[in-house]
Amino acid sequence: MNKSFTKIRHIQESNLRLEKRFLNENTPVTPTEPTTQTTVAADPKTDFVNQFKGQALNFYLPDVNYKNVPLISSFMVTNVTFPDSNSILIEGTSSVGTIEIKYSCDGTDTFLITKIVKFDQRVLDDVAQFLDLGLDNNWKKLLASYAKMTTQKQQLRPMALKQEQSKIYHTLLKSFPNMVLNGGSDQTGQTFIKYIQNYLCGTNASGKAVAKAKFQ
């Protein structure tokens, strides 16, 4: 009797375990949604400005006779725009006021002044002597300022000093009508160019910055 009861209970427990196993294996599993992380795209303008925030850049004329004194000094980036895929417009404050310069991936590694947004009034006062012929556009103001700056340490009498400044001014006016600038001979200037090249340009076999290849 006891043996029969034990056998029956054993069979019931086995059946119960099989039933639970069956139910567990056939219970539909609710799929969990994969966790998604929202990635905020970096703003290239903000990245560029932050990269050089607070760094003063100097720009020099390509003419070998005027490489010792920067045409524009203490240039600090305030804003950038990308007019096309192979060039960048950079606005900033500088020794002569607020200007805009352009760098293109064209193999020249130079900058072009595209706009003088606002001239520092002190600069205008300093170059007034060069503007008596009605030559009052911004390019001429900039050249006049540079001519004065290059002669600051020369020990010349006032009349001779003005003659020297005028000579430099007219030489530059004739030689550089488009105002092409070197990107700076100091380390910060070289870093500035290299950053733009890596960010925007490709390079040719000679290592010059050129437009990136467009894949069709």
C-alpha atoms as a PDB file:
ATOM      1  CA  MET A   1       0.000   0.000   0.000  1.00  0.00           C
ATOM      2  CA  ASN A   2       2.712   2.419   1.056  1.00  0.00           C
ATOM      3  CA  LYS A   3       4.815   1.460  -1.933  1.00  0.00           C
ATOM      4  CA  SER A   4       1.919   2.061  -4.289  1.00  0.00           C
ATOM      5  CA  PHE A   5       1.208   5.479  -2.741  1.00  0.00           C
ATOM      6  CA  THR A   6       4.843   6.504  -2.983  1.00  0.00           C
ATOM      7  CA  LYS A   7       4.974   5.414  -6.610  1.00  0.00           C
ATOM      8  CA  ILE A   8       1.836   7.371  -7.463  1.00  0.00           C
ATOM      9  CA  ARG A   9       3.158  10.518  -5.735  1.00  0.00           C
ATOM     10  CA  HIS A  10       6.453  10.190  -7.589  1.00  0.00           C
ATOM     11  CA  ILE A  11       4.608   9.957 -10.897  1.00  0.00           C
ATOM     12  CA  GLN A  12       2.507  13.059 -10.012  1.00  0.00           C
ATOM     13  CA  GLU A  13       5.597  15.097  -9.119  1.00  0.00           C
ATOM     14  CA  SER A  14       7.300  14.064 -12.340  1.00  0.00           C
ATOM     15  CA  ASN A  15       4.231  15.039 -14.340  1.00  0.00           C
ATOM     16  CA  LEU A  16       4.130  18.404 -12.553  1.00  0.00           C
ATOM     17  CA  ARG A  17       7.783  19.100 -13.367  1.00  0.00           C
ATOM     18  CA  LEU A  18       7.219  18.187 -17.010  1.00  0.00           C
ATOM     19  CA  GLU A  19       4.177  20.448 -17.175  1.00  0.00           C
ATOM     20  CA  LYS A  20       6.145  23.422 -15.745  1.00  0.00           C
ATOM     21  CA  ARG A  21       8.972  22.779 -18.152  1.00  0.00           C
ATOM     22  CA  PHE A  22       6.565  22.640 -21.067  1.00  0.00           C
ATOM     23  CA  LEU A  23       4.914  25.910 -20.029  1.00  0.00           C
ATOM     24  CA  ASN A  24       8.255  27.669 -19.602  1.00  0.00           C
ATOM     25  CA  GLU A  25       9.543  26.562 -22.991  1.00  0.00           C
ATOM     26  CA  ASN A  26       6.386  27.682 -24.786  1.00  0.00           C
ATOM     27  CA  THR A  27       5.886  31.031 -23.084  1.00  0.00           C
ATOM     28  CA  PRO A  28       6.441  33.746 -25.729  1.00  0.00           C
ATOM     29  CA  VAL A  29       9.362  36.031 -24.929  1.00  0.00           C
ATOM     30  CA  THR A  30       8.639  39.707 -25.348  1.00  0.00           C
ATOM     31  CA  PRO A  31      11.513  41.183 -27.421  1.00  0.00           C
ATOM     32  CA  THR A  32      13.286  44.114 -25.815  1.00  0.00           C
ATOM     33  CA  GLU A  33      13.938  47.193 -27.882  1.00  0.00           C
ATOM     34  CA  PRO A  34      17.650  47.865 -28.441  1.00  0.00           C
ATOM     35  CA  THR A  35      18.924  50.831 -26.479  1.00  0.00           C
ATOM     36  CA  THR A  36      19.631  53.736 -28.778  1.00  0.00           C
ATOM     37  CA  GLN A  37      21.918  56.620 -27.931  1.00  0.00           C
ATOM     38  CA  THR A  38      21.281  59.933 -29.575  1.00  0.00           C
ATOM     39  CA  THR A  39      24.527  61.271 -30.982  1.00  0.00           C
ATOM     40  CA  VAL A  40      24.640  65.041 -31.341  1.00  0.00           C
ATOM     41  CA  ALA A  41      26.602  65.989 -34.437  1.00  0.00           C
ATOM     42  CA  ALA A  42      29.534  68.275 -33.739  1.00  0.00           C
ATOM     43  CA  ASP A  43      29.163  71.812 -35.039  1.00  0.00           C
ATOM     44  CA  PRO A  44      32.201  72.450 -37.304  1.00  0.00           C
ATOM     45  CA  LYS A  45      32.013  76.212 -36.714  1.00  0.00           C
ATOM     46  CA  THR A  46      32.111  75.838 -32.936  1.00  0.00           C
ATOM     47  CA  ASP A  47      34.878  73.236 -33.131  1.00  0.00           C
ATOM     48  CA  PHE A  48      37.029  75.487 -35.289  1.00  0.00           C
ATOM     49  CA  VAL A  49      36.573  78.602 -33.149  1.00  0.00           C
ATOM     50  CA  ASN A  50      37.254  76.662 -29.935  1.00  0.00           C
ATOM     51  CA  GLN A  51      40.381  75.090 -31.427  1.00  0.00           C
ATOM     52  CA  PHE A  52      42.052  78.504 -31.777  1.00  0.00           C
ATOM     53  CA  LYS A  53      40.211  80.497 -29.124  1.00  0.00           C
ATOM     54  CA  GLY A  54      42.571  82.967 -27.479  1.00  0.00           C
ATOM     55  CA  GLN A  55      45.460  82.232 -29.841  1.00  0.00           C
ATOM     56  CA  ALA A  56      46.925  85.237 -31.647  1.00  0.00           C
ATOM     57  CA  LEU A  57      47.964  84.644 -35.266  1.00  0.00           C
ATOM     58  CA  ASN A  58      50.327  86.717 -37.404  1.00  0.00           C
ATOM     59  CA  PHE A  59      50.161  87.006 -41.193  1.00  0.00           C
ATOM     60  CA  TYR A  60      53.054  88.058 -43.409  1.00  0.00           C
ATOM     61  CA  LEU A  61      53.351  89.266 -46.995  1.00  0.00           C
ATOM     62  CA  PRO A  62      54.923  86.792 -49.424  1.00  0.00           C
ATOM     63  CA  ASP A  63      57.380  89.439 -50.681  1.00  0.00           C
ATOM     64  CA  VAL A  64      60.801  88.502 -49.289  1.00  0.00           C
ATOM     65  CA  ASN A  65      61.535  92.160 -48.507  1.00  0.00           C
ATOM     66  CA  TYR A  66      58.598  92.384 -46.097  1.00  0.00           C
ATOM     67  CA  LYS A  67      58.685  89.066 -44.260  1.00  0.00           C
ATOM     68  CA  ASN A  68      60.092  90.372 -40.982  1.00  0.00           C
ATOM     69  CA  VAL A  69      57.066  92.416 -39.975  1.00  0.00           C
ATOM     70  CA  PRO A  70      53.560  90.906 -40.029  1.00  0.00           C
ATOM     71  CA  LEU A  71      51.022  92.713 -42.189  1.00  0.00           C
ATOM     72  CA  ILE A  72      48.328  91.661 -39.724  1.00  0.00           C
ATOM     73  CA  SER A  73      49.155  90.676 -36.169  1.00  0.00           C
ATOM     74  CA  SER A  74      47.204  89.442 -33.156  1.00  0.00           C
ATOM     75  CA  PHE A  75      44.466  87.924 -35.345  1.00  0.00           C
ATOM     76  CA  MET A  76      41.963  86.010 -33.199  1.00  0.00           C
ATOM     77  CA  VAL A  77      39.241  83.843 -34.730  1.00  0.00           C
ATOM     78  CA  THR A  78      35.662  84.820 -33.866  1.00  0.00           C
ATOM     79  CA  ASN A  79      33.636  83.041 -36.567  1.00  0.00           C
ATOM     80  CA  VAL A  80      33.990  80.746 -39.571  1.00  0.00           C
ATOM     81  CA  THR A  81      31.764  79.935 -42.553  1.00  0.00           C
ATOM     82  CA  PHE A  82      32.122  77.380 -45.332  1.00  0.00           C
ATOM     83  CA  PRO A  83      31.113  78.942 -48.679  1.00  0.00           C
ATOM     84  CA  ASP A  84      31.860  75.692 -50.515  1.00  0.00           C
ATOM     85  CA  SER A  85      33.442  72.298 -49.901  1.00  0.00           C
ATOM     86  CA  ASN A  86      37.001  73.456 -50.574  1.00  0.00           C
ATOM     87  CA  SER A  87      37.353  76.824 -48.857  1.00  0.00           C
ATOM     88  CA  ILE A  88      36.765  78.499 -45.537  1.00  0.00           C
ATOM     89  CA  LEU A  89      36.055  82.110 -44.538  1.00  0.00           C
ATOM     90  CA  ILE A  90      37.494  83.115 -41.172  1.00  0.00           C
ATOM     91  CA  GLU A  91      36.494  86.302 -39.376  1.00  0.00           C
ATOM     92  CA  GLY A  92      38.414  87.713 -36.451  1.00  0.00           C
ATOM     93  CA  THR A  93      39.765  90.726 -34.649  1.00  0.00           C
ATOM     94  CA  SER A  94      43.300  91.927 -35.338  1.00  0.00           C
ATOM     95  CA  SER A  95      45.799  94.745 -34.963  1.00  0.00           C
ATOM     96  CA  VAL A  96      44.048  96.731 -37.712  1.00  0.00           C
ATOM     97  CA  GLY A  97      40.454  95.930 -36.792  1.00  0.00           C
ATOM     98  CA  THR A  98      37.932  93.232 -37.696  1.00  0.00           C
ATOM     99  CA  ILE A  99      38.750  91.397 -40.931  1.00  0.00           C
ATOM    100  CA  GLU A 100      37.694  88.343 -42.899  1.00  0.00           C
ATOM    101  CA  ILE A 101      40.226  86.068 -44.582  1.00  0.00           C
ATOM    102  CA  LYS A 102      39.797  83.121 -46.928  1.00  0.00           C
ATOM    103  CA  TYR A 103      41.759  79.897 -47.277  1.00  0.00           C
ATOM    104  CA  SER A 104      41.224  77.649 -50.302  1.00  0.00           C
ATOM    105  CA  CYS A 105      42.496  74.171 -51.036  1.00  0.00           C
ATOM    106  CA  ASP A 106      44.310  75.318 -54.176  1.00  0.00           C
ATOM    107  CA  GLY A 107      47.910  74.322 -53.483  1.00  0.00           C
ATOM    108  CA  THR A 108      49.134  77.836 -52.642  1.00  0.00           C
ATOM    109  CA  ASP A 109      48.978  77.625 -48.813  1.00  0.00           C
ATOM    110  CA  THR A 110      48.135  81.327 -48.636  1.00  0.00           C
ATOM    111  CA  PHE A 111      45.295  83.430 -47.291  1.00  0.00           C
ATOM    112  CA  LEU A 112      43.343  86.123 -49.089  1.00  0.00           C
ATOM    113  CA  ILE A 113      41.797  89.103 -47.319  1.00  0.00           C
ATOM    114  CA  THR A 114      38.190  89.061 -48.492  1.00  0.00           C
ATOM    115  CA  LYS A 115      36.764  91.805 -46.308  1.00  0.00           C
ATOM    116  CA  ILE A 116      37.827  94.452 -43.833  1.00  0.00           C
ATOM    117  CA  VAL A 117      34.747  94.616 -41.669  1.00  0.00           C
ATOM    118  CA  LYS A 118      35.815  97.423 -39.373  1.00  0.00           C
ATOM    119  CA  PHE A 119      39.035  99.425 -39.232  1.00  0.00           C
ATOM    120  CA  ASP A 120      40.415 100.434 -35.858  1.00  0.00           C
ATOM    121  CA  GLN A 121      40.073 104.221 -35.637  1.00  0.00           C
ATOM    122  CA  ARG A 122      43.636 104.531 -34.322  1.00  0.00           C
ATOM    123  CA  VAL A 123      44.886 102.874 -37.511  1.00  0.00           C
ATOM    124  CA  LEU A 124      42.928 105.352 -39.610  1.00  0.00           C
ATOM    125  CA  ASP A 125      44.480 108.243 -37.701  1.00  0.00           C
ATOM    126  CA  ASP A 126      47.970 106.835 -38.243  1.00  0.00           C
ATOM    127  CA  VAL A 127      47.600 106.404 -42.009  1.00  0.00           C
ATOM    128  CA  ALA A 128      45.816 109.661 -42.781  1.00  0.00           C
ATOM    129  CA  GLN A 129      48.975 111.048 -44.385  1.00  0.00           C
ATOM    130  CA  PHE A 130      48.672 108.489 -47.199  1.00  0.00           C
ATOM    131  CA  LEU A 131      45.051 109.201 -48.007  1.00  0.00           C
ATOM    132  CA  ASP A 132      45.326 112.748 -49.342  1.00  0.00           C
ATOM    133  CA  LEU A 133      44.828 111.654 -52.964  1.00  0.00           C
ATOM    134  CA  GLY A 134      41.412 110.147 -52.401  1.00  0.00           C
ATOM    135  CA  LEU A 135      42.912 106.642 -52.165  1.00  0.00           C
ATOM    136  CA  ASP A 136      40.671 105.679 -49.299  1.00  0.00           C
ATOM    137  CA  ASN A 137      39.632 102.099 -49.910  1.00  0.00           C
ATOM    138  CA  ASN A 138      40.362  99.472 -47.290  1.00  0.00           C
ATOM    139  CA  TRP A 139      43.244  97.824 -49.155  1.00  0.00           C
ATOM    140  CA  LYS A 140      45.134 101.099 -49.304  1.00  0.00           C
ATOM    141  CA  LYS A 141      44.439 101.808 -45.649  1.00  0.00           C
ATOM    142  CA  LEU A 142      45.892  98.452 -44.731  1.00  0.00           C
ATOM    143  CA  LEU A 143      49.011  98.978 -46.840  1.00  0.00           C
ATOM    144  CA  ALA A 144      49.494 102.457 -45.431  1.00  0.00           C
ATOM    145  CA  SER A 145      49.263 101.075 -41.920  1.00  0.00           C
ATOM    146  CA  TYR A 146      51.836  98.430 -42.777  1.00  0.00           C
ATOM    147  CA  ALA A 147      54.198 100.982 -44.331  1.00  0.00           C
ATOM    148  CA  LYS A 148      54.098 102.992 -41.117  1.00  0.00           C
ATOM    149  CA  MET A 149      54.622  99.909 -38.977  1.00  0.00           C
ATOM    150  CA  THR A 150      57.713  98.748 -40.905  1.00  0.00           C
ATOM    151  CA  THR A 151      59.496 102.050 -40.316  1.00  0.00           C
ATOM    152  CA  GLN A 152      58.757 102.469 -36.620  1.00  0.00           C
ATOM    153  CA  LYS A 153      62.299 101.526 -35.552  1.00  0.00           C
ATOM    154  CA  GLN A 154      64.104 103.466 -38.260  1.00  0.00           C
ATOM    155  CA  GLN A 155      66.057 106.467 -36.994  1.00  0.00           C
ATOM    156  CA  LEU A 156      65.054 108.958 -39.691  1.00  0.00           C
ATOM    157  CA  ARG A 157      64.092 112.596 -39.669  1.00  0.00           C
ATOM    158  CA  PRO A 158      60.320 113.183 -40.012  1.00  0.00           C
ATOM    159  CA  MET A 159      60.460 114.128 -43.696  1.00  0.00           C
ATOM    160  CA  ALA A 160      62.748 111.222 -44.611  1.00  0.00           C
ATOM    161  CA  LEU A 161      60.553 108.863 -42.591  1.00  0.00           C
ATOM    162  CA  LYS A 162      57.443 109.918 -44.492  1.00  0.00           C
ATOM    163  CA  GLN A 163      59.260 109.483 -47.787  1.00  0.00           C
ATOM    164  CA  GLU A 164      60.333 105.954 -46.804  1.00  0.00           C
ATOM    165  CA  GLN A 165      56.818 105.047 -45.704  1.00  0.00           C
ATOM    166  CA  SER A 166      55.388 106.416 -48.936  1.00  0.00           C
ATOM    167  CA  LYS A 167      57.890 104.383 -50.965  1.00  0.00           C
ATOM    168  CA  ILE A 168      56.932 101.150 -49.186  1.00  0.00           C
ATOM    169  CA  TYR A 169      53.253 101.964 -49.549  1.00  0.00           C
ATOM    170  CA  HIS A 170      53.392 102.535 -53.305  1.00  0.00           C
ATOM    171  CA  THR A 171      55.624  99.483 -53.860  1.00  0.00           C
ATOM    172  CA  LEU A 172      53.141  97.244 -52.081  1.00  0.00           C
ATOM    173  CA  LEU A 173      50.180  98.905 -53.752  1.00  0.00           C
ATOM    174  CA  LYS A 174      51.644  98.051 -57.131  1.00  0.00           C
ATOM    175  CA  SER A 175      52.874  94.554 -56.263  1.00  0.00           C
ATOM    176  CA  PHE A 176      49.995  93.170 -54.227  1.00  0.00           C
ATOM    177  CA  PRO A 177      46.678  94.438 -55.553  1.00  0.00           C
ATOM    178  CA  ASN A 178      44.905  91.280 -54.363  1.00  0.00           C
ATOM    179  CA  MET A 179      46.534  91.176 -50.946  1.00  0.00           C
ATOM    180  CA  VAL A 180      47.575  87.536 -50.805  1.00  0.00           C
ATOM    181  CA  LEU A 181      49.012  86.669 -47.402  1.00  0.00           C
ATOM    182  CA  ASN A 182      51.291  83.983 -46.123  1.00  0.00           C
ATOM    183  CA  GLY A 183      49.784  81.998 -43.319  1.00  0.00           C
ATOM    184  CA  GLY A 184      52.318  83.050 -40.722  1.00  0.00           C
ATOM    185  CA  SER A 185      55.885  81.976 -40.108  1.00  0.00           C
ATOM    186  CA  ASP A 186      55.412  81.297 -36.402  1.00  0.00           C
ATOM    187  CA  GLN A 187      54.372  77.964 -34.945  1.00  0.00           C
ATOM    188  CA  THR A 188      50.776  79.015 -34.309  1.00  0.00           C
ATOM    189  CA  GLY A 189      50.390  80.045 -37.945  1.00  0.00           C
ATOM    190  CA  GLN A 190      51.726  76.729 -39.193  1.00  0.00           C
ATOM    191  CA  THR A 191      49.434  74.833 -36.824  1.00  0.00           C
ATOM    192  CA  PHE A 192      46.536  76.946 -38.077  1.00  0.00           C
ATOM    193  CA  ILE A 193      47.214  76.016 -41.700  1.00  0.00           C
ATOM    194  CA  LYS A 194      47.740  72.334 -40.887  1.00  0.00           C
ATOM    195  CA  TYR A 195      44.479  72.183 -38.958  1.00  0.00           C
ATOM    196  CA  ILE A 196      42.556  73.673 -41.888  1.00  0.00           C
ATOM    197  CA  GLN A 197      44.242  71.307 -44.327  1.00  0.00           C
ATOM    198  CA  ASN A 198      43.415  68.238 -42.267  1.00  0.00           C
ATOM    199  CA  TYR A 199      39.876  69.474 -41.701  1.00  0.00           C
ATOM    200  CA  LEU A 200      39.035  70.632 -45.192  1.00  0.00           C
ATOM    201  CA  CYS A 201      41.570  69.664 -47.832  1.00  0.00           C
ATOM    202  CA  GLY A 202      43.321  66.740 -49.405  1.00  0.00           C
ATOM    203  CA  THR A 203      46.996  66.744 -50.357  1.00  0.00           C
ATOM    204  CA  ASN A 204      48.796  66.143 -53.625  1.00  0.00           C
ATOM    205  CA  ALA A 205      52.052  64.249 -54.200  1.00  0.00           C
ATOM    206  CA  SER A 206      54.056  67.316 -53.195  1.00  0.00           C
ATOM    207  CA  GLY A 207      52.197  67.640 -49.899  1.00  0.00           C
ATOM    208  CA  LYS A 208      50.321  70.770 -50.968  1.00  0.00           C
ATOM    209  CA  ALA A 209      46.733  71.275 -49.894  1.00  0.00           C
ATOM    210  CA  VAL A 210      44.341  70.658 -52.768  1.00  0.00           C
ATOM    211  CA  ALA A 211      40.623  70.100 -53.160  1.00  0.00           C
ATOM    212  CA  LYS A 212      39.449  66.737 -51.906  1.00  0.00           C
ATOM    213  CA  ALA A 213      38.549  64.234 -54.613  1.00  0.00           C
ATOM    214  CA  LYS A 214      34.864  64.075 -55.392  1.00  0.00           C
ATOM    215  CA  PHE A 215      33.564  60.532 -55.743  1.00  0.00           C
ATOM    216  CA  GLN A 216      30.819  60.095 -58.329  1.00  0.00           C
END
